[in-house]
Amino acid sequence: MEKPVFKVVSNHENLRLCIIENCIFIEERISKVLGEILNIDWKESKSFGFSSSALGFNQKLHLIMDIKGLESNELK
């Protein structure tokens, strides 16, 4: 299986803004993948959607690791 290639979404000159924009993009992709794996509409999900009770970025990454979708060295 071919590994996906991640593209940089933001290359803003302000490093902090660049990091935030790219993290938001990655978090949304993770939510989409988890939604597909679990066969749920991630945008309407309380766990993966946009609500204040949704899982955080780190929890979503750990969930991906738990299902063997991401190795610990890739997490770094």
N, C-alpha and C. Protein backbone atom coordinates (compact mmCIF):
# COMPACT_ATOMS: atom_id res chain seq x y z
N MET A 1 0.83 -1.18 0.00
CA MET A 1 0.00 0.00 0.00
C MET A 1 0.88 1.25 0.00
N GLU A 2 0.55 2.18 -0.84
CA GLU A 2 1.32 3.40 -0.97
C GLU A 2 1.00 4.37 0.16
N LYS A 3 2.03 4.97 0.74
CA LYS A 3 1.82 5.95 1.80
C LYS A 3 1.34 7.26 1.19
N PRO A 4 0.35 7.92 1.84
CA PRO A 4 -0.13 9.20 1.31
C PRO A 4 0.92 10.29 1.47
N VAL A 5 0.90 11.22 0.56
CA VAL A 5 1.81 12.35 0.62
C VAL A 5 1.03 13.55 1.15
N PHE A 6 1.53 14.14 2.21
CA PHE A 6 0.88 15.32 2.77
C PHE A 6 1.50 16.57 2.18
N LYS A 7 0.63 17.47 1.77
CA LYS A 7 1.09 18.72 1.20
C LYS A 7 0.97 19.82 2.24
N VAL A 8 1.82 20.79 2.15
CA VAL A 8 1.74 21.95 3.02
C VAL A 8 0.60 22.82 2.52
N VAL A 9 -0.34 23.11 3.42
CA VAL A 9 -1.51 23.90 3.06
C VAL A 9 -1.17 25.39 3.15
N SER A 10 -0.41 25.74 4.14
CA SER A 10 -0.07 27.14 4.37
C SER A 10 1.44 27.31 4.38
N ASN A 11 1.89 28.34 3.76
CA ASN A 11 3.31 28.70 3.84
C ASN A 11 3.42 30.18 4.18
N HIS A 12 2.50 30.62 5.02
CA HIS A 12 2.46 32.01 5.44
C HIS A 12 3.79 32.41 6.06
N GLU A 13 4.19 33.63 5.89
CA GLU A 13 5.48 34.08 6.42
C GLU A 13 5.49 34.13 7.95
N ASN A 14 4.31 34.26 8.57
CA ASN A 14 4.22 34.21 10.02
C ASN A 14 4.22 32.74 10.42
N LEU A 15 5.28 32.27 11.04
CA LEU A 15 5.46 30.86 11.37
C LEU A 15 4.32 30.32 12.23
N ARG A 16 3.90 31.08 13.22
CA ARG A 16 2.82 30.63 14.11
C ARG A 16 1.53 30.41 13.32
N LEU A 17 1.19 31.33 12.46
CA LEU A 17 -0.01 31.20 11.64
C LEU A 17 0.10 30.01 10.69
N CYS A 18 1.27 29.81 10.14
CA CYS A 18 1.52 28.69 9.24
C CYS A 18 1.30 27.36 9.97
N ILE A 19 1.81 27.24 11.17
CA ILE A 19 1.66 26.02 11.96
C ILE A 19 0.20 25.79 12.31
N ILE A 20 -0.51 26.82 12.75
CA ILE A 20 -1.92 26.69 13.12
C ILE A 20 -2.76 26.25 11.92
N GLU A 21 -2.56 26.88 10.78
CA GLU A 21 -3.33 26.53 9.58
C GLU A 21 -3.08 25.09 9.14
N ASN A 22 -1.83 24.66 9.18
CA ASN A 22 -1.51 23.29 8.79
C ASN A 22 -2.05 22.28 9.80
N CYS A 23 -2.02 22.59 11.08
CA CYS A 23 -2.57 21.69 12.09
C CYS A 23 -4.08 21.55 11.93
N ILE A 24 -4.77 22.64 11.64
CA ILE A 24 -6.22 22.58 11.41
C ILE A 24 -6.52 21.70 10.21
N PHE A 25 -5.74 21.83 9.16
CA PHE A 25 -5.93 20.99 7.97
C PHE A 25 -5.72 19.51 8.30
N ILE A 26 -4.65 19.22 9.02
CA ILE A 26 -4.34 17.83 9.37
C ILE A 26 -5.42 17.26 10.29
N GLU A 27 -5.88 18.05 11.27
CA GLU A 27 -6.91 17.58 12.19
C GLU A 27 -8.21 17.26 11.44
N GLU A 28 -8.56 18.07 10.47
CA GLU A 28 -9.76 17.81 9.68
C GLU A 28 -9.62 16.54 8.86
N ARG A 29 -8.43 16.33 8.29
CA ARG A 29 -8.18 15.09 7.52
C ARG A 29 -8.28 13.86 8.42
N ILE A 30 -7.75 13.96 9.65
CA ILE A 30 -7.82 12.86 10.60
C ILE A 30 -9.28 12.56 10.93
N SER A 31 -10.07 13.60 11.17
CA SER A 31 -11.49 13.41 11.48
C SER A 31 -12.20 12.72 10.31
N LYS A 32 -11.87 13.13 9.10
CA LYS A 32 -12.48 12.53 7.91
C LYS A 32 -12.13 11.04 7.81
N VAL A 33 -10.87 10.71 8.02
CA VAL A 33 -10.42 9.31 7.95
C VAL A 33 -11.10 8.48 9.03
N LEU A 34 -11.14 8.99 10.27
CA LEU A 34 -11.80 8.26 11.34
C LEU A 34 -13.28 8.07 11.05
N GLY A 35 -13.92 9.09 10.49
CA GLY A 35 -15.32 8.97 10.11
C GLY A 35 -15.54 7.89 9.07
N GLU A 36 -14.63 7.81 8.09
CA GLU A 36 -14.75 6.77 7.06
C GLU A 36 -14.53 5.38 7.65
N ILE A 37 -13.54 5.24 8.53
CA ILE A 37 -13.27 3.95 9.16
C ILE A 37 -14.47 3.49 9.99
N LEU A 38 -15.06 4.41 10.74
CA LEU A 38 -16.16 4.07 11.63
C LEU A 38 -17.53 4.18 10.96
N ASN A 39 -17.54 4.57 9.69
CA ASN A 39 -18.77 4.69 8.91
C ASN A 39 -19.76 5.67 9.56
N ILE A 40 -19.25 6.86 9.92
CA ILE A 40 -20.11 7.90 10.48
C ILE A 40 -19.84 9.21 9.76
N ASP A 41 -20.83 10.10 9.82
CA ASP A 41 -20.67 11.44 9.25
C ASP A 41 -19.86 12.26 10.26
N TRP A 42 -18.58 12.43 10.00
CA TRP A 42 -17.70 13.05 11.00
C TRP A 42 -18.09 14.49 11.29
N LYS A 43 -18.66 15.21 10.32
CA LYS A 43 -19.02 16.61 10.57
C LYS A 43 -20.17 16.73 11.57
N GLU A 44 -21.03 15.72 11.63
CA GLU A 44 -22.16 15.73 12.56
C GLU A 44 -21.85 14.97 13.84
N SER A 45 -20.70 14.33 13.90
CA SER A 45 -20.31 13.53 15.06
C SER A 45 -19.95 14.41 16.25
N LYS A 46 -20.36 13.99 17.43
CA LYS A 46 -19.98 14.71 18.64
C LYS A 46 -18.51 14.50 18.97
N SER A 47 -17.94 13.40 18.51
CA SER A 47 -16.54 13.09 18.81
C SER A 47 -15.56 13.71 17.82
N PHE A 48 -15.95 13.81 16.56
CA PHE A 48 -15.02 14.27 15.53
C PHE A 48 -15.41 15.58 14.87
N GLY A 49 -16.59 16.08 15.14
CA GLY A 49 -17.09 17.29 14.49
C GLY A 49 -16.51 18.57 15.05
N PHE A 50 -17.28 19.63 14.95
CA PHE A 50 -16.81 20.96 15.32
C PHE A 50 -17.34 21.42 16.67
N SER A 51 -17.97 20.52 17.43
CA SER A 51 -18.54 20.93 18.72
C SER A 51 -17.44 21.06 19.77
N SER A 52 -17.80 21.73 20.85
CA SER A 52 -16.81 21.93 21.92
C SER A 52 -16.50 20.63 22.65
N SER A 53 -17.35 19.62 22.50
CA SER A 53 -17.11 18.34 23.17
C SER A 53 -16.33 17.35 22.30
N ALA A 54 -15.92 17.77 21.11
CA ALA A 54 -15.19 16.89 20.19
C ALA A 54 -13.81 16.56 20.75
N LEU A 55 -13.29 15.42 20.33
CA LEU A 55 -11.94 15.03 20.72
C LEU A 55 -10.92 16.05 20.22
N GLY A 56 -9.85 16.20 20.97
CA GLY A 56 -8.80 17.12 20.57
C GLY A 56 -7.85 16.50 19.56
N PHE A 57 -6.99 17.31 19.03
CA PHE A 57 -6.01 16.89 18.02
C PHE A 57 -5.19 15.69 18.51
N ASN A 58 -4.67 15.77 19.70
CA ASN A 58 -3.82 14.72 20.24
C ASN A 58 -4.60 13.41 20.44
N GLN A 59 -5.83 13.50 20.94
CA GLN A 59 -6.64 12.30 21.14
C GLN A 59 -6.95 11.62 19.81
N LYS A 60 -7.20 12.40 18.77
CA LYS A 60 -7.47 11.84 17.45
C LYS A 60 -6.23 11.12 16.91
N LEU A 61 -5.06 11.71 17.12
CA LEU A 61 -3.83 11.06 16.68
C LEU A 61 -3.60 9.75 17.42
N HIS A 62 -3.87 9.73 18.71
CA HIS A 62 -3.69 8.51 19.48
C HIS A 62 -4.70 7.44 19.05
N LEU A 63 -5.90 7.85 18.69
CA LEU A 63 -6.89 6.90 18.19
C LEU A 63 -6.42 6.28 16.88
N ILE A 64 -5.85 7.08 15.99
CA ILE A 64 -5.28 6.57 14.74
C ILE A 64 -4.15 5.59 15.05
N MET A 65 -3.31 5.91 16.03
CA MET A 65 -2.22 5.00 16.41
C MET A 65 -2.78 3.69 16.96
N ASP A 66 -3.86 3.77 17.74
CA ASP A 66 -4.46 2.57 18.32
C ASP A 66 -4.97 1.61 17.26
N ILE A 67 -5.42 2.14 16.14
CA ILE A 67 -5.92 1.26 15.07
C ILE A 67 -4.84 0.98 14.05
N LYS A 68 -3.60 1.28 14.42
CA LYS A 68 -2.41 0.96 13.62
C LYS A 68 -2.38 1.72 12.29
N GLY A 69 -2.94 2.93 12.28
CA GLY A 69 -2.91 3.73 11.08
C GLY A 69 -1.75 4.71 11.04
N LEU A 70 -1.03 4.80 12.16
CA LEU A 70 0.07 5.75 12.27
C LEU A 70 1.07 5.19 13.26
N GLU A 71 2.33 5.19 12.86
CA GLU A 71 3.40 4.70 13.74
C GLU A 71 3.83 5.84 14.67
N SER A 72 4.40 5.49 15.82
CA SER A 72 4.80 6.51 16.79
C SER A 72 5.85 7.46 16.24
N ASN A 73 6.74 6.97 15.38
CA ASN A 73 7.75 7.87 14.79
C ASN A 73 7.10 8.84 13.80
N GLU A 74 5.98 8.46 13.18
CA GLU A 74 5.27 9.37 12.27
C GLU A 74 4.51 10.42 13.05
N LEU A 75 4.10 10.08 14.28
CA LEU A 75 3.39 11.02 15.12
C LEU A 75 4.27 12.23 15.46
N LYS A 76 5.55 11.97 15.64
CA LYS A 76 6.48 13.05 15.99
C LYS A 76 6.62 13.99 14.82
